[in-house]
């Protein structure tokens, strides 16, 4: 293990492996990112274990848009892929994690961040 990698883990206070976001290029523990995999010719978010080449990205719209703009998906996955919209790609993630009422800004359907009204 290199000294640089070890110091990044110590600063993060995490023993998880460090990965690089394909959008913003920041290195962080993989627990703070989601893994993308190519399924045929399209990109999908991997919530569990899935074989194959993967790429890591933050759950942020700006990282997704930047990765699309610079062609990072195809480059990281080493094949030409079609990229779905951010909301389509993370629909499954929001459902599994219980965020189905949140929009991309983090607000609930009624516009309040911590609303109890439905």
Protein backbone atom coordinates (compact mmCIF):
# COMPACT_ATOMS: atom_id res chain seq x y z
CA UNK A 1 0.00 0.00 0.00
CA UNK A 2 1.39 3.38 -0.89
CA UNK A 3 1.82 6.09 1.70
CA UNK A 4 -0.45 8.44 -0.22
CA UNK A 5 -3.33 5.95 -0.32
CA UNK A 6 -2.92 5.13 3.39
CA UNK A 7 -2.97 8.80 4.35
CA UNK A 8 -6.14 9.37 2.31
CA UNK A 9 -7.84 6.56 4.20
CA UNK A 10 -6.70 7.93 7.55
CA UNK A 11 -7.99 11.41 6.70
CA UNK A 12 -11.32 9.97 5.64
CA UNK A 13 -11.49 8.01 8.89
CA UNK A 14 -12.60 5.01 6.89
CA UNK A 15 -11.01 1.65 6.25
CA UNK A 16 -12.98 1.14 3.03
CA UNK A 17 -11.09 1.05 -0.26
CA UNK A 18 -10.63 4.41 -1.95
CA UNK A 19 -12.16 4.94 -5.42
CA UNK A 20 -12.15 7.83 -7.91
CA UNK A 21 -15.40 9.42 -9.11
CA UNK A 22 -15.52 9.44 -12.92
CA UNK A 23 -17.32 12.80 -12.84
CA UNK A 24 -15.47 15.06 -10.42
CA UNK A 25 -12.31 12.89 -10.15
CA UNK A 26 -12.27 13.15 -6.34
CA UNK A 27 -10.92 10.15 -4.44
CA UNK A 28 -13.07 8.97 -1.56
CA UNK A 29 -13.99 5.73 0.21
CA UNK A 30 -16.23 3.60 -1.95
CA UNK A 31 -18.91 3.76 0.74
CA UNK A 32 -19.60 7.32 -0.44
CA UNK A 33 -20.14 6.36 -4.08
CA UNK A 34 -22.15 3.98 -6.24
CA UNK A 35 -20.79 1.51 -8.75
CA UNK A 36 -21.84 1.59 -12.38
CA UNK A 37 -21.61 -1.39 -14.71
CA UNK A 38 -22.28 -1.91 -18.39
CA UNK A 39 -25.22 -4.16 -19.13
CA UNK A 40 -24.97 -4.79 -22.82
CA UNK A 41 -24.73 -1.32 -24.35
CA UNK A 42 -26.26 0.65 -21.47
CA UNK A 43 -25.07 1.84 -18.06
CA UNK A 44 -26.81 0.71 -14.88
CA UNK A 45 -26.28 1.33 -11.18
CA UNK A 46 -25.07 -1.74 -9.30
CA UNK A 47 -26.55 -2.08 -5.80
CA UNK A 48 -25.06 -5.48 -5.05
CA UNK A 49 -22.29 -7.56 -6.48
CA UNK A 50 -22.14 -7.77 -10.24
CA UNK A 51 -19.27 -9.10 -12.33
CA UNK A 52 -17.59 -7.07 -14.99
CA UNK A 53 -15.82 -3.80 -15.46
CA UNK A 54 -17.19 -1.09 -13.24
CA UNK A 55 -16.84 2.61 -12.62
CA UNK A 56 -17.55 4.67 -9.51
CA UNK A 57 -19.50 7.93 -9.25
CA UNK A 58 -20.97 10.12 -6.52
CA UNK A 59 -24.76 10.23 -6.19
CA UNK A 60 -24.78 13.82 -7.44
CA UNK A 61 -26.33 15.31 -10.54
CA UNK A 62 -23.28 17.50 -11.23
CA UNK A 63 -20.95 14.48 -11.25
CA UNK A 64 -23.30 12.61 -13.62
CA UNK A 65 -23.53 15.57 -16.01
CA UNK A 66 -19.79 16.17 -16.03
CA UNK A 67 -19.09 12.47 -16.67
CA UNK A 68 -21.52 12.60 -19.63
CA UNK A 69 -19.96 15.78 -20.98
CA UNK A 70 -16.39 14.44 -20.97
CA UNK A 71 -17.30 10.92 -22.16
CA UNK A 72 -16.15 9.28 -18.93
CA UNK A 73 -18.72 6.45 -18.99
CA UNK A 74 -17.46 4.86 -22.20
CA UNK A 75 -13.83 5.46 -21.27
CA UNK A 76 -14.14 3.96 -17.77
CA UNK A 77 -16.19 0.97 -18.91
CA UNK A 78 -13.95 0.50 -21.98
CA UNK A 79 -16.83 0.16 -24.41
CA UNK A 80 -19.30 2.41 -26.16
CA UNK A 81 -22.39 2.70 -23.94
CA UNK A 82 -25.61 4.69 -23.97
CA UNK A 83 -26.09 6.69 -20.80
CA UNK A 84 -29.56 7.10 -19.27
CA UNK A 85 -30.63 10.29 -17.53
CA UNK A 86 -29.64 10.74 -13.89
CA UNK A 87 -33.21 10.27 -12.65
CA UNK A 88 -33.71 7.09 -14.70
CA UNK A 89 -30.41 5.59 -13.59
CA UNK A 90 -31.00 6.24 -9.90
CA UNK A 91 -34.73 5.41 -9.79
CA UNK A 92 -33.95 1.92 -8.50
CA UNK A 93 -31.49 3.26 -5.92
CA UNK A 94 -34.06 5.68 -4.51
CA UNK A 95 -36.64 2.90 -4.23
CA UNK A 96 -34.28 0.45 -2.54
CA UNK A 97 -32.97 3.06 -0.10
CA UNK A 98 -36.44 4.39 0.70
CA UNK A 99 -36.02 7.73 -1.05
CA UNK A 100 -38.89 7.31 -3.50
CA UNK A 101 -40.47 10.60 -2.35
CA UNK A 102 -37.28 12.63 -2.87
CA UNK A 103 -36.55 14.50 -6.04
CA UNK A 104 -33.01 15.24 -7.28
CA UNK A 105 -32.72 18.29 -5.04
CA UNK A 106 -33.31 16.21 -1.89
CA UNK A 107 -36.72 17.74 -1.19
CA UNK A 108 -39.79 15.68 -0.59
CA UNK A 109 -42.76 15.84 -2.92
CA UNK A 110 -44.40 18.71 -1.01
CA UNK A 111 -41.22 20.84 -1.20
CA UNK A 112 -40.12 20.58 2.43
CA UNK A 113 -36.87 18.80 3.32
CA UNK A 114 -38.15 17.06 6.45
CA UNK A 115 -41.89 17.10 6.00
CA UNK A 116 -44.15 14.64 7.76
CA UNK A 117 -47.05 15.50 5.46
CA UNK A 118 -47.80 13.18 2.56
